[in-house]
Protein backbone atom coordinates (compact mmCIF):
# COMPACT_ATOMS: atom_id res chain seq x y z
CA MET A 1 82.08 106.99 148.74
CA ARG A 2 78.36 107.50 148.31
CA ASP A 3 75.85 108.18 151.04
CA CYS A 4 72.43 106.49 151.18
CA GLY A 5 70.89 109.05 148.80
CA GLY A 6 73.46 108.39 146.09
CA ALA A 7 75.14 111.79 146.45
CA VAL A 8 78.90 111.94 146.16
CA ASN A 9 80.86 113.02 149.21
CA LEU A 10 83.77 114.96 147.69
CA ARG A 11 85.85 114.55 150.85
CA ASP A 12 86.12 110.83 150.11
CA PHE A 13 87.94 111.43 146.80
CA THR A 14 91.65 112.14 146.47
CA ASN A 15 92.53 114.99 144.10
CA ALA A 16 93.56 112.53 141.38
CA GLU A 17 90.36 110.49 141.73
CA LEU A 18 88.23 113.63 141.67
CA ARG A 19 89.99 114.95 138.57
CA THR A 20 89.58 111.60 136.80
CA GLU A 21 85.90 111.35 137.73
CA LEU A 22 85.16 114.91 136.59
CA LEU A 23 86.95 114.38 133.29
CA ARG A 24 85.10 111.11 132.73
CA ARG A 25 81.74 112.74 133.37
CA TYR A 26 82.12 116.13 131.75
CA GLN A 27 84.81 116.02 129.10
CA HIS A 28 82.70 114.02 126.66
CA PRO A 29 79.28 113.54 128.24
CA ASN A 30 77.47 112.79 124.96
CA ALA A 31 80.52 112.46 122.78
CA ILE A 32 80.67 110.70 119.46
CA ARG A 33 83.89 108.83 118.79
CA LEU A 34 84.68 108.41 115.10
CA GLN A 35 87.56 106.06 114.39
CA THR A 36 86.81 104.38 111.06
CA PRO A 37 85.64 105.56 107.63
CA GLU A 38 82.50 103.43 108.10
CA GLN A 39 81.63 105.15 111.39
CA ILE A 40 82.21 108.55 109.83
CA ALA A 41 80.12 107.81 106.74
CA LYS A 42 77.29 106.45 108.89
CA HIS A 43 77.42 109.54 111.13
CA MET A 44 77.27 111.89 108.13
CA GLN A 45 74.73 109.93 106.09
CA PRO A 46 71.68 111.99 107.17
CA LEU A 47 73.36 115.17 105.92
CA TYR A 48 74.18 113.72 102.51
CA LEU A 49 70.93 111.92 101.70
CA GLY A 50 69.20 113.42 98.69
CA LEU A 51 71.67 116.23 98.01
CA GLU A 52 71.69 117.45 94.42
CA ARG A 53 74.83 119.60 94.76
CA GLU A 54 78.27 118.91 96.15
CA GLU A 55 78.86 119.89 99.77
CA PHE A 56 82.21 119.89 101.54
CA HIS A 57 82.29 119.26 105.30
CA VAL A 58 84.99 119.07 107.92
CA LEU A 59 84.83 117.04 111.12
CA CYS A 60 87.01 118.41 113.91
CA LEU A 61 88.34 115.75 116.28
CA ASP A 62 90.38 115.73 119.45
CA SER A 63 93.44 113.52 119.92
CA ARG A 64 91.24 110.55 120.90
CA HIS A 65 88.97 110.99 117.84
CA TYR A 66 86.01 112.45 119.72
CA LEU A 67 83.95 114.78 117.57
CA LEU A 68 84.33 118.38 118.70
CA ARG A 69 82.56 120.06 115.81
CA GLN A 70 81.30 119.44 112.32
CA ALA A 71 80.97 122.22 109.79
CA ARG A 72 79.90 122.67 106.19
CA VAL A 73 82.58 124.79 104.55
CA SER A 74 81.36 124.92 100.97
CA ILE A 75 78.39 124.26 98.69
CA GLY A 76 79.08 123.77 95.02
CA SER A 77 77.29 122.72 91.88
CA VAL A 78 76.26 119.33 90.54
CA ASP A 79 79.81 118.26 89.75
CA GLN A 80 82.26 120.55 91.56
CA CYS A 81 82.79 122.47 94.75
CA TYR A 82 85.27 125.29 95.38
CA VAL A 83 87.07 124.77 98.70
CA ASP A 84 88.96 127.60 100.41
CA PRO A 85 91.64 126.14 102.73
CA ARG A 86 91.08 128.99 105.20
CA GLU A 87 87.46 127.93 105.60
CA VAL A 88 88.47 124.28 106.07
CA PHE A 89 90.79 125.03 108.97
CA ARG A 90 88.78 127.82 110.65
CA PRO A 91 86.40 125.50 112.58
CA ALA A 92 89.28 123.27 113.67
CA LEU A 93 91.29 126.18 115.00
CA THR A 94 88.37 127.70 116.90
CA CYS A 95 87.54 124.44 118.70
CA ARG A 96 91.21 123.54 119.28
CA ALA A 97 91.00 120.28 117.34
CA THR A 98 94.11 118.17 116.77
CA GLY A 99 92.86 116.49 113.61
CA ILE A 100 90.25 116.84 110.90
CA VAL A 101 88.42 114.54 108.53
CA LEU A 102 87.39 115.97 105.17
CA LEU A 103 84.16 114.82 103.54
CA HIS A 104 82.28 115.68 100.41
CA ASN A 105 79.63 114.08 98.28
CA HIS A 106 79.31 113.18 94.62
CA PRO A 107 75.65 113.71 93.64
CA SER A 108 76.25 111.57 90.55
CA GLY A 109 76.24 108.55 92.86
CA ASP A 110 79.80 107.39 92.14
CA PRO A 111 82.01 107.89 95.23
CA GLU A 112 85.20 107.33 93.24
CA PRO A 113 87.59 110.24 94.03
CA SER A 114 88.68 112.44 91.13
CA ALA A 115 92.23 113.62 90.48
CA GLN A 116 91.14 117.04 91.83
CA ASP A 117 89.90 115.38 95.05
CA VAL A 118 93.30 113.73 95.58
CA ALA A 119 95.21 116.94 94.79
CA LEU A 120 93.04 118.97 97.19
CA THR A 121 93.54 116.39 99.93
CA ARG A 122 97.31 116.56 99.59
CA GLN A 123 97.24 120.38 99.52
CA LEU A 124 95.14 120.49 102.70
CA ARG A 125 97.31 117.86 104.38
CA ASP A 126 100.40 119.99 103.73
CA ALA A 127 98.66 123.16 104.95
CA GLY A 128 97.51 121.33 108.06
CA LYS A 129 101.08 120.31 108.87
CA THR A 130 102.02 123.96 109.13
CA LEU A 131 99.15 124.55 111.56
CA CYS A 132 99.93 121.36 113.56
CA LEU A 133 96.59 119.90 112.47
CA ARG A 134 96.46 116.38 111.09
CA VAL A 135 94.31 115.62 108.08
CA LEU A 136 93.24 112.14 109.13
CA ASP A 137 91.22 111.17 106.06
CA HIS A 138 89.12 112.43 103.17
CA ILE A 139 85.94 110.50 102.54
CA VAL A 140 83.93 110.84 99.35
CA VAL A 141 80.28 109.85 99.70
CA GLY A 142 78.14 108.77 96.76
CA SER A 143 74.40 109.08 96.53
CA GLN A 144 71.87 106.36 97.12
CA LEU A 145 71.01 104.32 94.09
CA ARG A 146 67.49 103.08 93.50
CA GLY A 147 66.91 99.69 95.04
CA ALA A 148 70.19 99.88 96.95
CA SER A 149 70.58 99.49 100.68
CA THR A 150 69.98 102.50 102.92
CA GLU A 151 73.72 102.90 103.44
CA LEU A 152 75.48 105.40 101.18
CA PRO A 153 78.53 104.20 99.25
CA HIS A 154 81.77 105.89 100.28
CA VAL A 155 85.51 105.82 99.59
CA SER A 156 88.27 106.67 102.05
CA LEU A 157 91.25 108.23 100.30
CA LEU A 158 93.52 107.10 103.13
CA ALA A 159 92.30 103.49 102.93
CA ARG A 160 92.80 103.54 99.16
CA GLY A 161 96.39 104.77 99.62
CA LEU A 162 95.68 107.95 97.64
CA PHE A 163 97.38 110.13 100.22
CA GLU A 164 99.81 109.39 103.00
CA TYR A 165 99.05 110.31 106.56
CA SER A 166 101.78 112.53 107.96
CA ARG A 167 102.56 114.13 111.28
CA PRO A 168 102.40 117.87 111.84
CA TYR A 169 105.75 119.68 111.52
CA ALA A 170 105.92 120.22 115.29
CA ALA A 171 105.71 116.46 115.90
CA GLU A 172 108.25 115.28 113.33
CA GLY A 173 111.12 115.16 115.79
CA ARG A 174 109.14 113.10 118.29
CA PRO A 175 108.82 109.31 118.22
């Protein structure tokens, strides 16, 4: 398929092979795949280091959990952050994401989710169902404690069972 110079001769590819090769090369050339809360927390750690106020971010993912976009949707105070659901879903809709991961920090250092965090997650999950967008998880990141490791503590609400993952309304009839 290749000549001596390493160039690809397109005539040697079938249409299916060419399509597969192009997708492999260009769909996610430098893509980041985020599949676990640990991977997500590690990816977001540089943004959350040293913050003195709460920040709420959304990660927009495709159906294979490749990162399409990340966006900060709100900056709050030391102990709270107002989150507008329209601002949460705007980045996901513009990049045609199929799922989102919610993240915010607790500058106090304790990543334990509050009752308001759980209620907001459920509200956004239900709103996402209407838009056929899955809320895959909500991760709360603590701050680094003195003498602690360089990794920030975090809690996944999904892993803790604090909200149930659900399919979008359009997918409920499908297996």
